[in-house]
C-alpha atoms as a PDB file:
ATOM      1  CA  MET A   1       0.268 -19.617  59.631  1.00  0.00           C
ATOM      2  CA  LYS A   2      -3.449 -20.214  58.682  1.00  0.00           C
ATOM      3  CA  LYS A   3      -4.163 -16.333  58.125  1.00  0.00           C
ATOM      4  CA  THR A   4      -1.345 -16.707  55.567  1.00  0.00           C
ATOM      5  CA  THR A   5      -2.526 -19.664  54.038  1.00  0.00           C
ATOM      6  CA  LEU A   6      -6.114 -18.363  53.691  1.00  0.00           C
ATOM      7  CA  ILE A   7      -4.828 -14.801  51.867  1.00  0.00           C
ATOM      8  CA  LEU A   8      -3.675 -16.527  49.211  1.00  0.00           C
ATOM      9  CA  ALA A   9      -6.374 -18.369  48.698  1.00  0.00           C
ATOM     10  CA  ALA A  10      -8.758 -15.614  48.627  1.00  0.00           C
ATOM     11  CA  MET A  11      -5.714 -14.018  46.059  1.00  0.00           C
ATOM     12  CA  ALA A  12      -6.029 -17.192  43.567  1.00  0.00           C
ATOM     13  CA  LEU A  13      -9.746 -17.200  43.679  1.00  0.00           C
ATOM     14  CA  ILE A  14      -9.997 -13.518  43.083  1.00  0.00           C
ATOM     15  CA  SER A  15      -7.516 -13.749  39.941  1.00  0.00           C
ATOM     16  CA  SER A  16      -8.493 -16.536  38.613  1.00  0.00           C
ATOM     17  CA  GLN A  17     -12.512 -15.684  38.679  1.00  0.00           C
ATOM     18  CA  ALA A  18     -11.134 -12.265  37.289  1.00  0.00           C
ATOM     19  CA  TYR A  19      -9.212 -14.596  33.989  1.00  0.00           C
ATOM     20  CA  ALA A  20     -12.468 -16.339  34.111  1.00  0.00           C
ATOM     21  CA  GLY A  21     -14.422 -13.957  33.109  1.00  0.00           C
ATOM     22  CA  ASP A  22     -12.264 -12.412  30.493  1.00  0.00           C
ATOM     23  CA  ASN A  23     -12.813 -15.300  28.176  1.00  0.00           C
ATOM     24  CA  LYS A  24     -11.037 -13.454  25.789  1.00  0.00           C
ATOM     25  CA  GLY A  25      -8.502 -12.566  27.106  1.00  0.00           C
ATOM     26  CA  HIS A  26      -6.044 -10.374  25.970  1.00  0.00           C
ATOM     27  CA  GLN A  27      -6.318 -10.586  22.342  1.00  0.00           C
ATOM     28  CA  GLU A  28      -9.824  -8.916  22.247  1.00  0.00           C
ATOM     29  CA  LYS A  29     -10.678  -6.890  19.404  1.00  0.00           C
ATOM     30  CA  LYS A  30     -12.375  -3.237  19.430  1.00  0.00           C
ATOM     31  CA  HIS A  31     -14.256  -4.139  15.686  1.00  0.00           C
ATOM     32  CA  GLN A  32     -13.650  -7.054  13.196  1.00  0.00           C
ATOM     33  CA  CYS A  33     -11.569  -6.491  10.980  1.00  0.00           C
ATOM     34  CA  ARG A  34     -12.505  -4.800   7.586  1.00  0.00           C
ATOM     35  CA  SER A  35     -10.586  -4.380   4.499  1.00  0.00           C
ATOM     36  CA  LYS A  36      -8.543  -1.289   4.876  1.00  0.00           C
ATOM     37  CA  ASP A  37      -7.018  -3.538   7.613  1.00  0.00           C
ATOM     38  CA  LEU A  38      -5.182  -4.907   5.114  1.00  0.00           C
ATOM     39  CA  ASN A  39      -3.602  -2.791   3.507  1.00  0.00           C
ATOM     40  CA  GLY A  40       0.355  -2.421   3.868  1.00  0.00           C
ATOM     41  CA  ASP A  41       3.676  -3.945   3.749  1.00  0.00           C
ATOM     42  CA  TYR A  42       4.654  -6.803   4.224  1.00  0.00           C
ATOM     43  CA  VAL A  43       7.237  -9.130   4.120  1.00  0.00           C
ATOM     44  CA  MET A  44       6.110 -12.858   3.795  1.00  0.00           C
ATOM     45  CA  TYR A  45       8.125 -16.983   4.137  1.00  0.00           C
ATOM     46  CA  GLN A  46       7.048 -19.882   2.484  1.00  0.00           C
ATOM     47  CA  ALA A  47       8.178 -23.251   2.797  1.00  0.00           C
ATOM     48  CA  ALA A  48       6.936 -26.134   0.021  1.00  0.00           C
ATOM     49  CA  VAL A  49       5.247 -28.698   1.847  1.00  0.00           C
ATOM     50  CA  ASN A  50       4.954 -31.541  -0.723  1.00  0.00           C
ATOM     51  CA  LYS A  51       8.322 -31.218  -3.205  1.00  0.00           C
ATOM     52  CA  PRO A  52      11.303 -30.986  -1.510  1.00  0.00           C
ATOM     53  CA  ASP A  53      12.868 -32.274  -4.587  1.00  0.00           C
ATOM     54  CA  LEU A  54      12.069 -28.467  -5.883  1.00  0.00           C
ATOM     55  CA  ASN A  55      13.687 -26.731  -2.613  1.00  0.00           C
ATOM     56  CA  HIS A  56      10.369 -24.569  -3.142  1.00  0.00           C
ATOM     57  CA  THR A  57      10.636 -21.940  -0.112  1.00  0.00           C
ATOM     58  CA  GLY A  58      11.074 -17.751  -1.082  1.00  0.00           C
ATOM     59  CA  ARG A  59      10.578 -14.183   0.713  1.00  0.00           C
ATOM     60  CA  CYS A  60       8.495 -12.113  -0.327  1.00  0.00           C
ATOM     61  CA  GLU A  61       8.070  -8.016   0.281  1.00  0.00           C
ATOM     62  CA  ILE A  62       4.404  -7.037  -1.130  1.00  0.00           C
ATOM     63  CA  ASN A  63       2.264  -4.020  -0.634  1.00  0.00           C
ATOM     64  CA  ILE A  64      -1.403  -4.456  -0.331  1.00  0.00           C
ATOM     65  CA  SER A  65      -3.462  -1.482  -1.596  1.00  0.00           C
ATOM     66  CA  GLU A  66      -7.288  -1.090  -1.326  1.00  0.00           C
ATOM     67  CA  GLY A  67      -7.025  -5.133  -2.755  1.00  0.00           C
ATOM     68  CA  VAL A  68      -4.277  -5.098  -4.877  1.00  0.00           C
ATOM     69  CA  LEU A  69      -1.220  -6.964  -4.365  1.00  0.00           C
ATOM     70  CA  SER A  70       2.376  -6.369  -5.943  1.00  0.00           C
ATOM     71  CA  GLY A  71       5.682  -7.174  -4.622  1.00  0.00           C
ATOM     72  CA  SER A  72       8.144  -8.802  -5.597  1.00  0.00           C
ATOM     73  CA  CYS A  73       9.668 -12.926  -4.672  1.00  0.00           C
ATOM     74  CA  ALA A  74      12.895 -14.466  -4.583  1.00  0.00           C
ATOM     75  CA  PHE A  75      13.116 -18.417  -4.184  1.00  0.00           C
ATOM     76  CA  ASP A  76      16.056 -20.293  -3.175  1.00  0.00           C
ATOM     77  CA  PRO A  77      17.970 -21.826  -5.128  1.00  0.00           C
ATOM     78  CA  ASN A  78      16.703 -25.843  -6.005  1.00  0.00           C
ATOM     79  CA  VAL A  79      18.109 -28.866  -4.888  1.00  0.00           C
ATOM     80  CA  SER A  80      20.836 -28.897  -8.119  1.00  0.00           C
ATOM     81  CA  GLY A  81      21.638 -25.575  -7.392  1.00  0.00           C
ATOM     82  CA  ASN A  82      19.818 -23.555  -9.876  1.00  0.00           C
ATOM     83  CA  PRO A  83      18.754 -20.255  -9.248  1.00  0.00           C
ATOM     84  CA  ASN A  84      15.152 -20.424  -8.978  1.00  0.00           C
ATOM     85  CA  PHE A  85      12.666 -17.136  -9.051  1.00  0.00           C
ATOM     86  CA  ASN A  86      13.323 -13.775  -8.353  1.00  0.00           C
ATOM     87  CA  GLY A  87      11.354 -11.128  -9.946  1.00  0.00           C
ATOM     88  CA  PRO A  88       7.703  -9.083  -9.644  1.00  0.00           C
ATOM     89  CA  VAL A  89       4.913 -10.139  -8.315  1.00  0.00           C
ATOM     90  CA  TYR A  90       0.999  -8.832  -8.885  1.00  0.00           C
ATOM     91  CA  GLY A  91      -1.843 -10.239  -7.654  1.00  0.00           C
ATOM     92  CA  THR A  92      -5.314  -9.880  -5.068  1.00  0.00           C
ATOM     93  CA  ALA A  93      -5.933  -9.848  -1.453  1.00  0.00           C
ATOM     94  CA  THR A  94      -9.562 -10.036   0.391  1.00  0.00           C
ATOM     95  CA  MET A  95      -9.846  -9.225   3.999  1.00  0.00           C
ATOM     96  CA  HIS A  96     -12.814 -10.674   5.831  1.00  0.00           C
ATOM     97  CA  SER A  97     -14.472 -10.297   9.312  1.00  0.00           C
ATOM     98  CA  ASN A  98     -13.269 -12.807  11.261  1.00  0.00           C
ATOM     99  CA  CYS A  99      -9.609 -10.866  10.199  1.00  0.00           C
ATOM    100  CA  SER A 100      -8.369 -13.902   8.070  1.00  0.00           C
ATOM    101  CA  ALA A 101      -7.876 -13.541   4.743  1.00  0.00           C
ATOM    102  CA  ASP A 102      -7.286 -14.390   0.869  1.00  0.00           C
ATOM    103  CA  MET A 103      -4.796 -13.795  -1.304  1.00  0.00           C
ATOM    104  CA  GLU A 104      -3.920 -14.661  -4.945  1.00  0.00           C
ATOM    105  CA  ILE A 105      -0.418 -14.340  -6.653  1.00  0.00           C
ATOM    106  CA  ARG A 106       0.596 -14.532  -9.891  1.00  0.00           C
ATOM    107  CA  PHE A 107       4.142 -13.947 -11.121  1.00  0.00           C
ATOM    108  CA  HIS A 108       6.239 -15.426 -14.702  1.00  0.00           C
ATOM    109  CA  PRO A 109       8.929 -17.497 -14.299  1.00  0.00           C
ATOM    110  CA  ASN A 110       9.961 -17.130 -18.070  1.00  0.00           C
ATOM    111  CA  PRO A 111      10.208 -14.190 -19.955  1.00  0.00           C
ATOM    112  CA  ASN A 112      10.199 -15.801 -22.937  1.00  0.00           C
ATOM    113  CA  ALA A 113       6.623 -16.767 -22.673  1.00  0.00           C
ATOM    114  CA  PRO A 114       4.771 -14.010 -20.873  1.00  0.00           C
ATOM    115  CA  ASP A 115       1.502 -15.358 -20.877  1.00  0.00           C
ATOM    116  CA  PHE A 116       2.588 -18.584 -18.745  1.00  0.00           C
ATOM    117  CA  ALA A 117       1.829 -17.587 -14.651  1.00  0.00           C
ATOM    118  CA  ILE A 118       2.347 -19.709 -12.026  1.00  0.00           C
ATOM    119  CA  VAL A 119      -0.987 -19.314 -10.253  1.00  0.00           C
ATOM    120  CA  SER A 120      -1.010 -19.511  -5.746  1.00  0.00           C
ATOM    121  CA  GLU A 121      -3.759 -18.726  -3.828  1.00  0.00           C
ATOM    122  CA  PHE A 122      -2.903 -18.505  -0.812  1.00  0.00           C
ATOM    123  CA  ASP A 123      -5.150 -18.716   2.815  1.00  0.00           C
ATOM    124  CA  VAL A 124      -4.007 -17.048   5.752  1.00  0.00           C
ATOM    125  CA  GLN A 125      -4.809 -15.690   8.783  1.00  0.00           C
ATOM    126  CA  PHE A 126      -4.081 -12.813  10.514  1.00  0.00           C
ATOM    127  CA  THR A 127      -3.283 -12.071  14.980  1.00  0.00           C
ATOM    128  CA  PRO A 128      -5.774  -9.392  15.583  1.00  0.00           C
ATOM    129  CA  ASP A 129      -3.827  -6.620  15.868  1.00  0.00           C
ATOM    130  CA  GLN A 130      -3.510  -7.413  11.881  1.00  0.00           C
ATOM    131  CA  GLN A 131       0.625  -7.438  12.310  1.00  0.00           C
ATOM    132  CA  SER A 132       1.250 -10.977  11.719  1.00  0.00           C
ATOM    133  CA  LEU A 133      -0.692 -13.841   9.273  1.00  0.00           C
ATOM    134  CA  VAL A 134      -0.197 -17.477   8.787  1.00  0.00           C
ATOM    135  CA  GLY A 135      -1.549 -19.864   7.082  1.00  0.00           C
ATOM    136  CA  LYS A 136      -1.425 -21.874   3.830  1.00  0.00           C
ATOM    137  CA  PHE A 137      -0.811 -22.058  -0.124  1.00  0.00           C
ATOM    138  CA  SER A 138      -1.118 -23.985  -3.679  1.00  0.00           C
ATOM    139  CA  ASN A 139      -0.443 -23.582  -6.459  1.00  0.00           C
ATOM    140  CA  ASN A 140      -1.640 -24.530 -10.051  1.00  0.00           C
ATOM    141  CA  PHE A 141       1.685 -26.975 -10.364  1.00  0.00           C
ATOM    142  CA  GLY A 142       0.057 -28.678  -7.364  1.00  0.00           C
ATOM    143  CA  VAL A 143       3.159 -26.840  -4.922  1.00  0.00           C
ATOM    144  CA  TYR A 144       1.016 -26.495  -1.612  1.00  0.00           C
ATOM    145  CA  GLY A 145       2.387 -25.465   1.223  1.00  0.00           C
ATOM    146  CA  VAL A 146       2.714 -22.909   4.570  1.00  0.00           C
ATOM    147  CA  THR A 147       3.763 -19.461   4.593  1.00  0.00           C
ATOM    148  CA  ASN A 148       4.035 -16.830   7.427  1.00  0.00           C
ATOM    149  CA  GLY A 149       4.658 -13.646   7.182  1.00  0.00           C
ATOM    150  CA  THR A 150       4.634  -9.559   9.067  1.00  0.00           C
ATOM    151  CA  ARG A 151       3.878  -6.032   8.458  1.00  0.00           C
ATOM    152  CA  TYR A 152       7.208  -3.879   8.214  1.00  0.00           C
ATOM    153  CA  SER A 153       8.022  -0.915   6.670  1.00  0.00           C
ATOM    154  CA  VAL A 154      10.331   0.184   3.970  1.00  0.00           C
ATOM    155  CA  ASP A 155      10.874   3.357   5.612  1.00  0.00           C
ATOM    156  CA  LEU A 156      13.479   1.355   7.693  1.00  0.00           C
ATOM    157  CA  PRO A 157      17.890   0.988   6.980  1.00  0.00           C
ATOM    158  CA  ASN A 158      18.631  -2.131   5.891  1.00  0.00           C
ATOM    159  CA  ASP A 159      21.589  -1.920   7.847  1.00  0.00           C
ATOM    160  CA  ALA A 160      23.108  -3.936  10.743  1.00  0.00           C
ATOM    161  CA  ALA A 161      21.759  -3.036  13.865  1.00  0.00           C
ATOM    162  CA  PHE A 162      24.090  -1.941  16.892  1.00  0.00           C
END
């Protein structure tokens, strides 16, 4: 019994020392994030936290290429059941070496007023493998909220999976 306890204690000590030596854990990167790491297709979800009367939630599919952002967003109907924006968006995106990114997404909610734009600023953090993000946003009308997203493939069919 003493021998078994001693072996288990030794194994626990060795494994704890091995873990302690790897203070970055399994998420250690081989390089800092670069601008080109931002290129790709993403699906993002947003939810306002300060305007419950707007029911400001939505889904965006965007592409980022060399810092240029384009795509489309669709917001859920408001609390009165009226439709919200559903259409094209554009903007810019910048990746930082610590895998945080700044994005500006613009859209024009009123086709009769093409100079009127909603401008949203996004402050996001990518995971070390740059496959997903989480963050916050605010816009020029005082709405702010949370966002999250992940990379996706535009080449995959949108059929029910089996």
